[in-house]
Amino acid sequence: MFGLGMGEALILLAVVVLLFGGKKLPELGSSMGKALTNFKKGMKEDDSDAVAKKSVEDQNDKGNA
């Protein structure tokens, strides 16, 4: 986990709890989860677009040869 040991992770967790408070942590976690899901979805769409574009370019190259 980014080269963090157990002690560093606990300190980081304590700082997050102090900054955001216990009541906002579930909301923060939910927002982070949604953001991560949307990011992964966008990356998959970009990958599939790149593959489709490459396929079209390959077909055009074969047609021109």
PDB file of N, CA and C in Angstrom:
ATOM      1  N   MET A   1       0.847  -1.183   0.000  1.00  0.00           N
ATOM      2  CA  MET A   1       0.000   0.000   0.000  1.00  0.00           C
ATOM      3  C   MET A   1       0.886   1.237   0.000  1.00  0.00           C
ATOM      4  N   PHE A   2       1.481   1.569  -1.104  1.00  0.00           N
ATOM      5  CA  PHE A   2       2.314   2.750  -1.288  1.00  0.00           C
ATOM      6  C   PHE A   2       3.514   2.760  -0.350  1.00  0.00           C
ATOM      7  N   GLY A   3       3.982   1.620   0.073  1.00  0.00           N
ATOM      8  CA  GLY A   3       5.137   1.544   0.936  1.00  0.00           C
ATOM      9  C   GLY A   3       4.879   2.010   2.358  1.00  0.00           C
ATOM     10  N   LEU A   4       3.623   2.039   2.777  1.00  0.00           N
ATOM     11  CA  LEU A   4       3.290   2.454   4.136  1.00  0.00           C
ATOM     12  C   LEU A   4       3.233   1.237   5.040  1.00  0.00           C
ATOM     13  N   GLY A   5       3.815   1.392   6.227  1.00  0.00           N
ATOM     14  CA  GLY A   5       3.709   0.345   7.225  1.00  0.00           C
ATOM     15  C   GLY A   5       2.422   0.509   8.015  1.00  0.00           C
ATOM     16  N   MET A   6       2.204  -0.389   8.957  1.00  0.00           N
ATOM     17  CA  MET A   6       0.986  -0.343   9.761  1.00  0.00           C
ATOM     18  C   MET A   6       0.933   0.932  10.592  1.00  0.00           C
ATOM     19  N   GLY A   7       2.046   1.342  11.158  1.00  0.00           N
ATOM     20  CA  GLY A   7       2.076   2.561  11.975  1.00  0.00           C
ATOM     21  C   GLY A   7       1.725   3.806  11.178  1.00  0.00           C
ATOM     22  N   GLU A   8       2.314   3.928   9.992  1.00  0.00           N
ATOM     23  CA  GLU A   8       2.028   5.085   9.146  1.00  0.00           C
ATOM     24  C   GLU A   8       0.569   5.099   8.701  1.00  0.00           C
ATOM     25  N   ALA A   9       0.024   3.933   8.384  1.00  0.00           N
ATOM     26  CA  ALA A   9      -1.371   3.849   7.959  1.00  0.00           C
ATOM     27  C   ALA A   9      -2.308   4.271   9.088  1.00  0.00           C
ATOM     28  N   LEU A  10      -2.006   3.862  10.311  1.00  0.00           N
ATOM     29  CA  LEU A  10      -2.838   4.251  11.451  1.00  0.00           C
ATOM     30  C   LEU A  10      -2.768   5.750  11.707  1.00  0.00           C
ATOM     31  N   ILE A  11      -1.584   6.327  11.581  1.00  0.00           N
ATOM     32  CA  ILE A  11      -1.440   7.775  11.759  1.00  0.00           C
ATOM     33  C   ILE A  11      -2.219   8.510  10.674  1.00  0.00           C
ATOM     34  N   LEU A  12      -2.119   8.050   9.452  1.00  0.00           N
ATOM     35  CA  LEU A  12      -2.858   8.656   8.347  1.00  0.00           C
ATOM     36  C   LEU A  12      -4.365   8.562   8.578  1.00  0.00           C
ATOM     37  N   LEU A  13      -4.835   7.422   9.039  1.00  0.00           N
ATOM     38  CA  LEU A  13      -6.252   7.247   9.342  1.00  0.00           C
ATOM     39  C   LEU A  13      -6.695   8.199  10.449  1.00  0.00           C
ATOM     40  N   ALA A  14      -5.868   8.367  11.476  1.00  0.00           N
ATOM     41  CA  ALA A  14      -6.204   9.283  12.573  1.00  0.00           C
ATOM     42  C   ALA A  14      -6.297  10.721  12.075  1.00  0.00           C
ATOM     43  N   VAL A  15      -5.403  11.118  11.191  1.00  0.00           N
ATOM     44  CA  VAL A  15      -5.431  12.477  10.641  1.00  0.00           C
ATOM     45  C   VAL A  15      -6.691  12.682   9.809  1.00  0.00           C
ATOM     46  N   VAL A  16      -7.065  11.696   9.016  1.00  0.00           N
ATOM     47  CA  VAL A  16      -8.278  11.798   8.199  1.00  0.00           C
ATOM     48  C   VAL A  16      -9.503  11.924   9.090  1.00  0.00           C
ATOM     49  N   VAL A  17      -9.566  11.144  10.154  1.00  0.00           N
ATOM     50  CA  VAL A  17     -10.704  11.224  11.078  1.00  0.00           C
ATOM     51  C   VAL A  17     -10.750  12.596  11.731  1.00  0.00           C
ATOM     52  N   LEU A  18      -9.602  13.133  12.102  1.00  0.00           N
ATOM     53  CA  LEU A  18      -9.572  14.462  12.716  1.00  0.00           C
ATOM     54  C   LEU A  18      -9.999  15.548  11.734  1.00  0.00           C
ATOM     55  N   LEU A  19      -9.587  15.430  10.485  1.00  0.00           N
ATOM     56  CA  LEU A  19      -9.916  16.453   9.498  1.00  0.00           C
ATOM     57  C   LEU A  19     -11.382  16.422   9.085  1.00  0.00           C
ATOM     58  N   PHE A  20     -11.913  15.235   8.835  1.00  0.00           N
ATOM     59  CA  PHE A  20     -13.254  15.129   8.277  1.00  0.00           C
ATOM     60  C   PHE A  20     -14.318  14.788   9.308  1.00  0.00           C
ATOM     61  N   GLY A  21     -13.930  14.258  10.424  1.00  0.00           N
ATOM     62  CA  GLY A  21     -14.904  13.869  11.442  1.00  0.00           C
ATOM     63  C   GLY A  21     -15.502  12.508  11.137  1.00  0.00           C
ATOM     64  N   GLY A  22     -15.993  11.864  12.171  1.00  0.00           N
ATOM     65  CA  GLY A  22     -16.529  10.516  12.028  1.00  0.00           C
ATOM     66  C   GLY A  22     -17.804  10.454  11.216  1.00  0.00           C
ATOM     67  N   LYS A  23     -18.599  11.511  11.241  1.00  0.00           N
ATOM     68  CA  LYS A  23     -19.885  11.491  10.544  1.00  0.00           C
ATOM     69  C   LYS A  23     -19.737  11.628   9.035  1.00  0.00           C
ATOM     70  N   LYS A  24     -18.697  12.298   8.589  1.00  0.00           N
ATOM     71  CA  LYS A  24     -18.533  12.529   7.148  1.00  0.00           C
ATOM     72  C   LYS A  24     -17.723  11.432   6.460  1.00  0.00           C
ATOM     73  N   LEU A  25     -17.107  10.545   7.221  1.00  0.00           N
ATOM     74  CA  LEU A  25     -16.280   9.506   6.602  1.00  0.00           C
ATOM     75  C   LEU A  25     -17.072   8.573   5.680  1.00  0.00           C
ATOM     76  N   PRO A  26     -18.267   8.103   6.058  1.00  0.00           N
ATOM     77  CA  PRO A  26     -19.010   7.252   5.106  1.00  0.00           C
ATOM     78  C   PRO A  26     -19.354   7.984   3.811  1.00  0.00           C
ATOM     79  N   GLU A  27     -19.709   9.249   3.925  1.00  0.00           N
ATOM     80  CA  GLU A  27     -20.016  10.051   2.733  1.00  0.00           C
ATOM     81  C   GLU A  27     -18.773  10.220   1.869  1.00  0.00           C
ATOM     82  N   LEU A  28     -17.646  10.469   2.511  1.00  0.00           N
ATOM     83  CA  LEU A  28     -16.382  10.621   1.795  1.00  0.00           C
ATOM     84  C   LEU A  28     -15.999   9.316   1.096  1.00  0.00           C
ATOM     85  N   GLY A  29     -16.162   8.194   1.793  1.00  0.00           N
ATOM     86  CA  GLY A  29     -15.856   6.895   1.200  1.00  0.00           C
ATOM     87  C   GLY A  29     -16.737   6.590   0.007  1.00  0.00           C
ATOM     88  N   SER A  30     -18.010   6.916   0.133  1.00  0.00           N
ATOM     89  CA  SER A  30     -18.944   6.693  -0.969  1.00  0.00           C
ATOM     90  C   SER A  30     -18.564   7.536  -2.183  1.00  0.00           C
ATOM     91  N   SER A  31     -18.235   8.781  -1.946  1.00  0.00           N
ATOM     92  CA  SER A  31     -17.840   9.671  -3.047  1.00  0.00           C
ATOM     93  C   SER A  31     -16.568   9.181  -3.723  1.00  0.00           C
ATOM     94  N   MET A  32     -15.612   8.726  -2.921  1.00  0.00           N
ATOM     95  CA  MET A  32     -14.363   8.217  -3.490  1.00  0.00           C
ATOM     96  C   MET A  32     -14.617   6.952  -4.307  1.00  0.00           C
ATOM     97  N   GLY A  33     -15.500   6.086  -3.826  1.00  0.00           N
ATOM     98  CA  GLY A  33     -15.835   4.867  -4.561  1.00  0.00           C
ATOM     99  C   GLY A  33     -16.482   5.171  -5.896  1.00  0.00           C
ATOM    100  N   LYS A  34     -17.410   6.125  -5.904  1.00  0.00           N
ATOM    101  CA  LYS A  34     -18.072   6.514  -7.156  1.00  0.00           C
ATOM    102  C   LYS A  34     -17.072   7.127  -8.131  1.00  0.00           C
ATOM    103  N   ALA A  35     -16.171   7.951  -7.610  1.00  0.00           N
ATOM    104  CA  ALA A  35     -15.167   8.576  -8.468  1.00  0.00           C
ATOM    105  C   ALA A  35     -14.249   7.523  -9.080  1.00  0.00           C
ATOM    106  N   LEU A  36     -13.839   6.550  -8.273  1.00  0.00           N
ATOM    107  CA  LEU A  36     -12.967   5.491  -8.770  1.00  0.00           C
ATOM    108  C   LEU A  36     -13.678   4.645  -9.825  1.00  0.00           C
ATOM    109  N   THR A  37     -14.953   4.353  -9.588  1.00  0.00           N
ATOM    110  CA  THR A  37     -15.739   3.588 -10.557  1.00  0.00           C
ATOM    111  C   THR A  37     -15.846   4.335 -11.881  1.00  0.00           C
ATOM    112  N   ASN A  38     -16.134   5.631 -11.822  1.00  0.00           N
ATOM    113  CA  ASN A  38     -16.239   6.432 -13.048  1.00  0.00           C
ATOM    114  C   ASN A  38     -14.899   6.524 -13.765  1.00  0.00           C
ATOM    115  N   PHE A  39     -13.817   6.620 -13.004  1.00  0.00           N
ATOM    116  CA  PHE A  39     -12.482   6.677 -13.602  1.00  0.00           C
ATOM    117  C   PHE A  39     -12.175   5.380 -14.353  1.00  0.00           C
ATOM    118  N   LYS A  40     -12.440   4.246 -13.712  1.00  0.00           N
ATOM    119  CA  LYS A  40     -12.184   2.957 -14.360  1.00  0.00           C
ATOM    120  C   LYS A  40     -13.054   2.787 -15.601  1.00  0.00           C
ATOM    121  N   LYS A  41     -14.309   3.222 -15.511  1.00  0.00           N
ATOM    122  CA  LYS A  41     -15.224   3.137 -16.648  1.00  0.00           C
ATOM    123  C   LYS A  41     -14.699   3.976 -17.812  1.00  0.00           C
ATOM    124  N   GLY A  42     -14.214   5.172 -17.518  1.00  0.00           N
ATOM    125  CA  GLY A  42     -13.655   6.035 -18.550  1.00  0.00           C
ATOM    126  C   GLY A  42     -12.408   5.442 -19.181  1.00  0.00           C
ATOM    127  N   MET A  43     -11.572   4.807 -18.369  1.00  0.00           N
ATOM    128  CA  MET A  43     -10.363   4.181 -18.902  1.00  0.00           C
ATOM    129  C   MET A  43     -10.722   3.026 -19.833  1.00  0.00           C
ATOM    130  N   LYS A  44     -11.724   2.233 -19.472  1.00  0.00           N
ATOM    131  CA  LYS A  44     -12.135   1.124 -20.330  1.00  0.00           C
ATOM    132  C   LYS A  44     -12.699   1.641 -21.643  1.00  0.00           C
ATOM    133  N   GLU A  45     -13.480   2.728 -21.585  1.00  0.00           N
ATOM    134  CA  GLU A  45     -14.045   3.301 -22.806  1.00  0.00           C
ATOM    135  C   GLU A  45     -12.939   3.825 -23.712  1.00  0.00           C
ATOM    136  N   ASP A  46     -11.922   4.468 -23.131  1.00  0.00           N
ATOM    137  CA  ASP A  46     -10.802   4.962 -23.926  1.00  0.00           C
ATOM    138  C   ASP A  46     -10.050   3.809 -24.573  1.00  0.00           C
ATOM    139  N   ASP A  47      -9.850   2.713 -23.816  1.00  0.00           N
ATOM    140  CA  ASP A  47      -9.154   1.555 -24.366  1.00  0.00           C
ATOM    141  C   ASP A  47      -9.939   0.939 -25.510  1.00  0.00           C
ATOM    142  N   SER A  48     -11.255   0.814 -25.342  1.00  0.00           N
ATOM    143  CA  SER A  48     -12.056   0.202 -26.403  1.00  0.00           C
ATOM    144  C   SER A  48     -12.110   1.111 -27.627  1.00  0.00           C
ATOM    145  N   ASP A  49     -12.123   2.427 -27.422  1.00  0.00           N
ATOM    146  CA  ASP A  49     -12.092   3.358 -28.549  1.00  0.00           C
ATOM    147  C   ASP A  49     -10.771   3.250 -29.302  1.00  0.00           C
ATOM    148  N   ALA A  50      -9.675   3.107 -28.564  1.00  0.00           N
ATOM    149  CA  ALA A  50      -8.367   2.997 -29.196  1.00  0.00           C
ATOM    150  C   ALA A  50      -8.266   1.709 -30.004  1.00  0.00           C
ATOM    151  N   VAL A  51      -8.792   0.616 -29.475  1.00  0.00           N
ATOM    152  CA  VAL A  51      -8.762  -0.663 -30.190  1.00  0.00           C
ATOM    153  C   VAL A  51      -9.619  -0.581 -31.446  1.00  0.00           C
ATOM    154  N   ALA A  52     -10.798   0.031 -31.342  1.00  0.00           N
ATOM    155  CA  ALA A  52     -11.676   0.162 -32.505  1.00  0.00           C
ATOM    156  C   ALA A  52     -11.026   1.037 -33.570  1.00  0.00           C
ATOM    157  N   LYS A  53     -10.381   2.118 -33.163  1.00  0.00           N
ATOM    158  CA  LYS A  53      -9.720   3.012 -34.112  1.00  0.00           C
ATOM    159  C   LYS A  53      -8.571   2.290 -34.806  1.00  0.00           C
ATOM    160  N   LYS A  54      -7.803   1.514 -34.043  1.00  0.00           N
ATOM    161  CA  LYS A  54      -6.688   0.768 -34.610  1.00  0.00           C
ATOM    162  C   LYS A  54      -7.198  -0.254 -35.620  1.00  0.00           C
ATOM    163  N   SER A  55      -8.321  -0.897 -35.310  1.00  0.00           N
ATOM    164  CA  SER A  55      -8.904  -1.886 -36.213  1.00  0.00           C
ATOM    165  C   SER A  55      -9.327  -1.235 -37.523  1.00  0.00           C
ATOM    166  N   VAL A  56      -9.943  -0.064 -37.447  1.00  0.00           N
ATOM    167  CA  VAL A  56     -10.368   0.656 -38.652  1.00  0.00           C
ATOM    168  C   VAL A  56      -9.152   1.069 -39.468  1.00  0.00           C
ATOM    169  N   GLU A  57      -8.096   1.533 -38.800  1.00  0.00           N
ATOM    170  CA  GLU A  57      -6.881   1.931 -39.512  1.00  0.00           C
ATOM    171  C   GLU A  57      -6.252   0.734 -40.211  1.00  0.00           C
ATOM    172  N   ASP A  58      -6.237  -0.426 -39.539  1.00  0.00           N
ATOM    173  CA  ASP A  58      -5.676  -1.629 -40.150  1.00  0.00           C
ATOM    174  C   ASP A  58      -6.473  -2.041 -41.382  1.00  0.00           C
ATOM    175  N   GLN A  59      -7.797  -1.944 -41.303  1.00  0.00           N
ATOM    176  CA  GLN A  59      -8.633  -2.296 -42.448  1.00  0.00           C
ATOM    177  C   GLN A  59      -8.398  -1.327 -43.602  1.00  0.00           C
ATOM    178  N   ASN A  60      -8.224  -0.045 -43.297  1.00  0.00           N
ATOM    179  CA  ASN A  60      -7.959   0.939 -44.344  1.00  0.00           C
ATOM    180  C   ASN A  60      -6.605   0.690 -44.994  1.00  0.00           C
ATOM    181  N   ASP A  61      -5.608   0.305 -44.190  1.00  0.00           N
ATOM    182  CA  ASP A  61      -4.286   0.013 -44.737  1.00  0.00           C
ATOM    183  C   ASP A  61      -4.336  -1.197 -45.668  1.00  0.00           C
ATOM    184  N   LYS A  62      -5.107  -2.207 -45.308  1.00  0.00           N
ATOM    185  CA  LYS A  62      -5.226  -3.401 -46.148  1.00  0.00           C
ATOM    186  C   LYS A  62      -5.949  -3.071 -47.451  1.00  0.00           C
ATOM    187  N   GLY A  63      -6.922  -2.177 -47.376  1.00  0.00           N
ATOM    188  CA  GLY A  63      -7.671  -1.789 -48.568  1.00  0.00           C
ATOM    189  C   GLY A  63      -6.840  -0.949 -49.517  1.00  0.00           C
ATOM    190  N   ASN A  64      -5.905  -0.166 -48.992  1.00  0.00           N
ATOM    191  CA  ASN A  64      -5.063   0.699 -49.819  1.00  0.00           C
ATOM    192  C   ASN A  64      -3.880  -0.052 -50.412  1.00  0.00           C
ATOM    193  N   ALA A  65      -3.548  -1.205 -49.881  1.00  0.00           N
ATOM    194  CA  ALA A  65      -2.365  -1.932 -50.347  1.00  0.00           C
ATOM    195  C   ALA A  65      -2.626  -2.765 -51.557  1.00  0.00           C
TER     196      ALA A  65
END
